[in-house]
PDB file of N, CA and C in Angstrom:
ATOM      1  N   MET A   1      98.080  94.067  88.689  1.00  0.00           N
ATOM      2  CA  MET A   1      97.190  92.844  88.947  1.00  0.00           C
ATOM      3  C   MET A   1      96.724  91.802  87.774  1.00  0.00           C
ATOM      4  N   SER A   2      96.600  90.682  88.351  1.00  0.00           N
ATOM      5  CA  SER A   2      96.128  89.647  87.804  1.00  0.00           C
ATOM      6  C   SER A   2      94.454  90.256  87.456  1.00  0.00           C
ATOM      7  N   ALA A   3      93.808  89.789  87.048  1.00  0.00           N
ATOM      8  CA  ALA A   3      92.469  89.748  86.658  1.00  0.00           C
ATOM      9  C   ALA A   3      91.638  88.379  87.831  1.00  0.00           C
ATOM     10  N   SER A   4      92.483  87.244  87.983  1.00  0.00           N
ATOM     11  CA  SER A   4      92.274  85.939  88.383  1.00  0.00           C
ATOM     12  C   SER A   4      92.170  86.373  90.288  1.00  0.00           C
ATOM     13  N   VAL A   5      92.707  87.740  90.990  1.00  0.00           N
ATOM     14  CA  VAL A   5      93.267  87.951  92.018  1.00  0.00           C
ATOM     15  C   VAL A   5      91.890  88.559  92.496  1.00  0.00           C
ATOM     16  N   ASP A   6      91.728  87.899  93.249  1.00  0.00           N
ATOM     17  CA  ASP A   6      89.974  88.150  94.140  1.00  0.00           C
ATOM     18  C   ASP A   6      90.606  89.449  94.869  1.00  0.00           C
ATOM     19  N   ALA A   7      89.268  90.481  94.452  1.00  0.00           N
ATOM     20  CA  ALA A   7      89.294  91.941  95.226  1.00  0.00           C
ATOM     21  C   ALA A   7      89.262  92.182  96.525  1.00  0.00           C
ATOM     22  N   ASP A   8      88.384  91.254  97.272  1.00  0.00           N
ATOM     23  CA  ASP A   8      88.496  91.137  98.635  1.00  0.00           C
ATOM     24  C   ASP A   8      89.479  90.531  99.205  1.00  0.00           C
ATOM     25  N   VAL A   9      90.065  89.415  99.067  1.00  0.00           N
ATOM     26  CA  VAL A   9      91.468  89.350  99.554  1.00  0.00           C
ATOM     27  C   VAL A   9      92.576  90.521  99.556  1.00  0.00           C
ATOM     28  N   ALA A  10      92.852  90.830  98.352  1.00  0.00           N
ATOM     29  CA  ALA A  10      93.822  91.435  97.511  1.00  0.00           C
ATOM     30  C   ALA A  10      93.482  92.913  98.416  1.00  0.00           C
ATOM     31  N   ALA A  11      92.016  93.749  98.762  1.00  0.00           N
ATOM     32  CA  ALA A  11      91.713  94.577  99.356  1.00  0.00           C
ATOM     33  C   ALA A  11      92.433  94.122 100.768  1.00  0.00           C
ATOM     34  N   ARG A  12      91.916  93.239 101.707  1.00  0.00           N
ATOM     35  CA  ARG A  12      92.482  92.911 102.935  1.00  0.00           C
ATOM     36  C   ARG A  12      94.031  92.568 103.169  1.00  0.00           C
ATOM     37  N   ALA A  13      94.507  92.755 101.915  1.00  0.00           N
ATOM     38  CA  ALA A  13      95.950  92.558 102.288  1.00  0.00           C
ATOM     39  C   ALA A  13      96.476  93.683 102.033  1.00  0.00           C
ATOM     40  N   MET A  14      96.184  94.569 101.480  1.00  0.00           N
ATOM     41  CA  MET A  14      96.509  95.728 101.256  1.00  0.00           C
ATOM     42  C   MET A  14      96.314  97.106 102.537  1.00  0.00           C
ATOM     43  N   ILE A  15      94.957  96.316 103.638  1.00  0.00           N
ATOM     44  CA  ILE A  15      94.919  97.281 104.694  1.00  0.00           C
ATOM     45  C   ILE A  15      95.549  96.390 105.676  1.00  0.00           C
ATOM     46  N   ALA A  16      95.899  95.905 105.502  1.00  0.00           N
ATOM     47  CA  ALA A  16      97.108  94.858 106.562  1.00  0.00           C
ATOM     48  C   ALA A  16      98.543  95.725 106.549  1.00  0.00           C
ATOM     49  N   LEU A  17      98.485  95.755 105.345  1.00  0.00           N
ATOM     50  CA  LEU A  17     100.316  96.142 104.892  1.00  0.00           C
ATOM     51  C   LEU A  17     100.159  97.812 105.681  1.00  0.00           C
ATOM     52  N   VAL A  18      99.025  98.424 105.461  1.00  0.00           N
ATOM     53  CA  VAL A  18      98.704  99.880 106.021  1.00  0.00           C
ATOM     54  C   VAL A  18      98.700  99.976 107.901  1.00  0.00           C
ATOM     55  N   GLN A  19      98.160  98.593 107.761  1.00  0.00           N
ATOM     56  CA  GLN A  19      97.914  99.116 109.479  1.00  0.00           C
ATOM     57  C   GLN A  19      99.527  98.721 110.443  1.00  0.00           C
ATOM     58  N   GLY A  20     100.298  97.837 109.169  1.00  0.00           N
ATOM     59  CA  GLY A  20     101.710  97.535 110.180  1.00  0.00           C
ATOM     60  C   GLY A  20     102.622  98.435 109.522  1.00  0.00           C
ATOM     61  N   PHE A  21     102.315  98.880 109.018  1.00  0.00           N
ATOM     62  CA  PHE A  21     103.031 100.005 108.357  1.00  0.00           C
ATOM     63  C   PHE A  21     103.009 101.271 109.766  1.00  0.00           C
ATOM     64  N   ALA A  22     101.665 102.247 109.621  1.00  0.00           N
ATOM     65  CA  ALA A  22     101.878 102.013 111.230  1.00  0.00           C
ATOM     66  C   ALA A  22     102.174 102.459 112.457  1.00  0.00           C
ATOM     67  N   ALA A  23     101.762 100.501 112.352  1.00  0.00           N
ATOM     68  CA  ALA A  23     102.217 100.161 113.564  1.00  0.00           C
ATOM     69  C   ALA A  23     103.845 100.280 113.622  1.00  0.00           C
ATOM     70  N   GLN A  24     104.134 100.382 112.550  1.00  0.00           N
ATOM     71  CA  GLN A  24     105.979 100.103 112.668  1.00  0.00           C
ATOM     72  C   GLN A  24     106.382 101.813 112.755  1.00  0.00           C
ATOM     73  N   MET A  25     105.896 102.489 112.255  1.00  0.00           N
ATOM     74  CA  MET A  25     106.047 104.119 112.673  1.00  0.00           C
ATOM     75  C   MET A  25     105.726 104.254 113.594  1.00  0.00           C
ATOM     76  N   ALA A  26     104.920 104.170 114.331  1.00  0.00           N
ATOM     77  CA  ALA A  26     104.407 104.400 115.560  1.00  0.00           C
ATOM     78  C   ALA A  26     105.629 103.509 116.895  1.00  0.00           C
ATOM     79  N   LEU A  27     106.306 102.493 116.304  1.00  0.00           N
ATOM     80  CA  LEU A  27     107.284 102.144 117.532  1.00  0.00           C
ATOM     81  C   LEU A  27     108.072 102.392 117.243  1.00  0.00           C
ATOM     82  N   PHE A  28     108.992 102.170 116.314  1.00  0.00           N
ATOM     83  CA  PHE A  28     109.986 102.646 115.823  1.00  0.00           C
ATOM     84  C   PHE A  28     110.719 104.220 115.125  1.00  0.00           C
ATOM     85  N   GLY A  29     109.724 104.427 114.548  1.00  0.00           N
ATOM     86  CA  GLY A  29     109.749 105.792 113.549  1.00  0.00           C
ATOM     87  C   GLY A  29     109.988 105.849 112.430  1.00  0.00           C
ATOM     88  N   GLY A  30     110.605 106.197 112.053  1.00  0.00           N
ATOM     89  CA  GLY A  30     110.289 106.422 109.773  1.00  0.00           C
ATOM     90  C   GLY A  30     110.561 105.745 109.119  1.00  0.00           C
ATOM     91  N   VAL A  31     110.257 105.379 108.495  1.00  0.00           N
ATOM     92  CA  VAL A  31     111.068 104.549 107.540  1.00  0.00           C
ATOM     93  C   VAL A  31     111.175 105.092 105.705  1.00  0.00           C
ATOM     94  N   SER A  32     112.396 105.146 104.766  1.00  0.00           N
ATOM     95  CA  SER A  32     112.319 105.447 104.360  1.00  0.00           C
ATOM     96  C   SER A  32     111.489 105.737 102.806  1.00  0.00           C
ATOM     97  N   GLU A  33     110.822 106.422 101.725  1.00  0.00           N
ATOM     98  CA  GLU A  33     109.516 105.887 101.020  1.00  0.00           C
ATOM     99  C   GLU A  33     110.253 105.030 100.106  1.00  0.00           C
ATOM    100  N   GLY A  34     111.809 105.129  99.769  1.00  0.00           N
ATOM    101  CA  GLY A  34     112.160 103.968  98.896  1.00  0.00           C
ATOM    102  C   GLY A  34     112.349 102.520  99.509  1.00  0.00           C
ATOM    103  N   THR A  35     112.806 102.626 100.631  1.00  0.00           N
ATOM    104  CA  THR A  35     112.494 101.331 101.207  1.00  0.00           C
ATOM    105  C   THR A  35     111.372 100.620 101.687  1.00  0.00           C
ATOM    106  N   LEU A  36     110.583 101.281 101.460  1.00  0.00           N
ATOM    107  CA  LEU A  36     108.652 100.684 101.750  1.00  0.00           C
ATOM    108  C   LEU A  36     108.810 100.944 100.267  1.00  0.00           C
ATOM    109  N   ALA A  37     109.111 101.193  99.230  1.00  0.00           N
ATOM    110  CA  ALA A  37     108.321 100.959  97.946  1.00  0.00           C
ATOM    111  C   ALA A  37     109.380 100.110  97.637  1.00  0.00           C
ATOM    112  N   GLU A  38     110.658  99.583  98.108  1.00  0.00           N
ATOM    113  CA  GLU A  38     111.209  98.097  97.285  1.00  0.00           C
ATOM    114  C   GLU A  38     110.556  97.092  98.177  1.00  0.00           C
ATOM    115  N   GLY A  39     110.485  97.188  98.942  1.00  0.00           N
ATOM    116  CA  GLY A  39     110.037  96.174 100.143  1.00  0.00           C
ATOM    117  C   GLY A  39     108.496  95.950  99.292  1.00  0.00           C
ATOM    118  N   VAL A  40     107.714  96.399  99.279  1.00  0.00           N
ATOM    119  CA  VAL A  40     106.284  96.022  98.396  1.00  0.00           C
ATOM    120  C   VAL A  40     106.356  95.733  97.056  1.00  0.00           C
ATOM    121  N   ARG A  41     107.171  96.424  96.530  1.00  0.00           N
ATOM    122  CA  ARG A  41     107.928  95.762  95.376  1.00  0.00           C
ATOM    123  C   ARG A  41     108.047  94.347  95.254  1.00  0.00           C
ATOM    124  N   ALA A  42     109.233  93.857  96.327  1.00  0.00           N
ATOM    125  CA  ALA A  42     109.808  92.477  95.987  1.00  0.00           C
ATOM    126  C   ALA A  42     108.422  91.644  96.440  1.00  0.00           C
ATOM    127  N   LEU A  43     107.646  92.078  97.480  1.00  0.00           N
ATOM    128  CA  LEU A  43     106.612  91.498  98.320  1.00  0.00           C
ATOM    129  C   LEU A  43     105.233  91.256  97.128  1.00  0.00           C
ATOM    130  N   MET A  44     105.452  92.280  96.461  1.00  0.00           N
ATOM    131  CA  MET A  44     104.225  91.635  95.081  1.00  0.00           C
ATOM    132  C   MET A  44     105.033  91.207  94.062  1.00  0.00           C
ATOM    133  N   GLY A  45     106.604  91.069  93.835  1.00  0.00           N
ATOM    134  CA  GLY A  45     106.909  90.338  92.359  1.00  0.00           C
ATOM    135  C   GLY A  45     107.317  91.691  91.448  1.00  0.00           C
ATOM    136  N   MET A  46     107.591  92.669  91.827  1.00  0.00           N
ATOM    137  CA  MET A  46     107.505  93.387  90.581  1.00  0.00           C
ATOM    138  C   MET A  46     109.087  94.234  90.447  1.00  0.00           C
ATOM    139  N   GLY A  47     109.734  93.787  91.794  1.00  0.00           N
ATOM    140  CA  GLY A  47     111.630  94.280  91.837  1.00  0.00           C
ATOM    141  C   GLY A  47     111.969  93.490  90.967  1.00  0.00           C
ATOM    142  N   ALA A  48     113.158  93.651  91.377  1.00  0.00           N
ATOM    143  CA  ALA A  48     114.095  92.879  90.755  1.00  0.00           C
ATOM    144  C   ALA A  48     113.805  91.242  90.334  1.00  0.00           C
ATOM    145  N   ALA A  49     113.730  90.843  91.344  1.00  0.00           N
ATOM    146  CA  ALA A  49     113.831  89.662  91.547  1.00  0.00           C
ATOM    147  C   ALA A  49     112.259  88.980  90.641  1.00  0.00           C
ATOM    148  N   GLY A  50     111.427  89.523  91.045  1.00  0.00           N
ATOM    149  CA  GLY A  50     110.302  89.289  90.230  1.00  0.00           C
ATOM    150  C   GLY A  50     110.360  89.835  88.648  1.00  0.00           C
ATOM    151  N   ARG A  51     111.315  90.258  87.835  1.00  0.00           N
ATOM    152  CA  ARG A  51     111.711  90.779  86.860  1.00  0.00           C
ATOM    153  C   ARG A  51     112.781  89.479  86.285  1.00  0.00           C
ATOM    154  N   GLY A  52     113.040  89.009  87.195  1.00  0.00           N
ATOM    155  CA  GLY A  52     114.243  88.117  86.694  1.00  0.00           C
ATOM    156  C   GLY A  52     115.625  89.248  86.389  1.00  0.00           C
ATOM    157  N   ASP A  53     115.921  90.335  86.909  1.00  0.00           N
ATOM    158  CA  ASP A  53     117.150  91.062  86.409  1.00  0.00           C
ATOM    159  C   ASP A  53     118.088  90.579  87.695  1.00  0.00           C
ATOM    160  N   VAL A  54     117.905  89.661  88.478  1.00  0.00           N
ATOM    161  CA  VAL A  54     118.730  89.513  89.824  1.00  0.00           C
ATOM    162  C   VAL A  54     120.421  88.840  89.209  1.00  0.00           C
TER     163      VAL A  54
END
């Protein structure tokens, strides 16, 4: 993560991500670890699109 990122903003986003995941688990059941990891990487620009591997 870039040093220029506001730690409070990043923390709030991470909390929202976890809360959303918990709601999804409660409402719709499980999601594979791979699917979750791939989605988070894509959102954070660390996936294939973020690396320019598309």
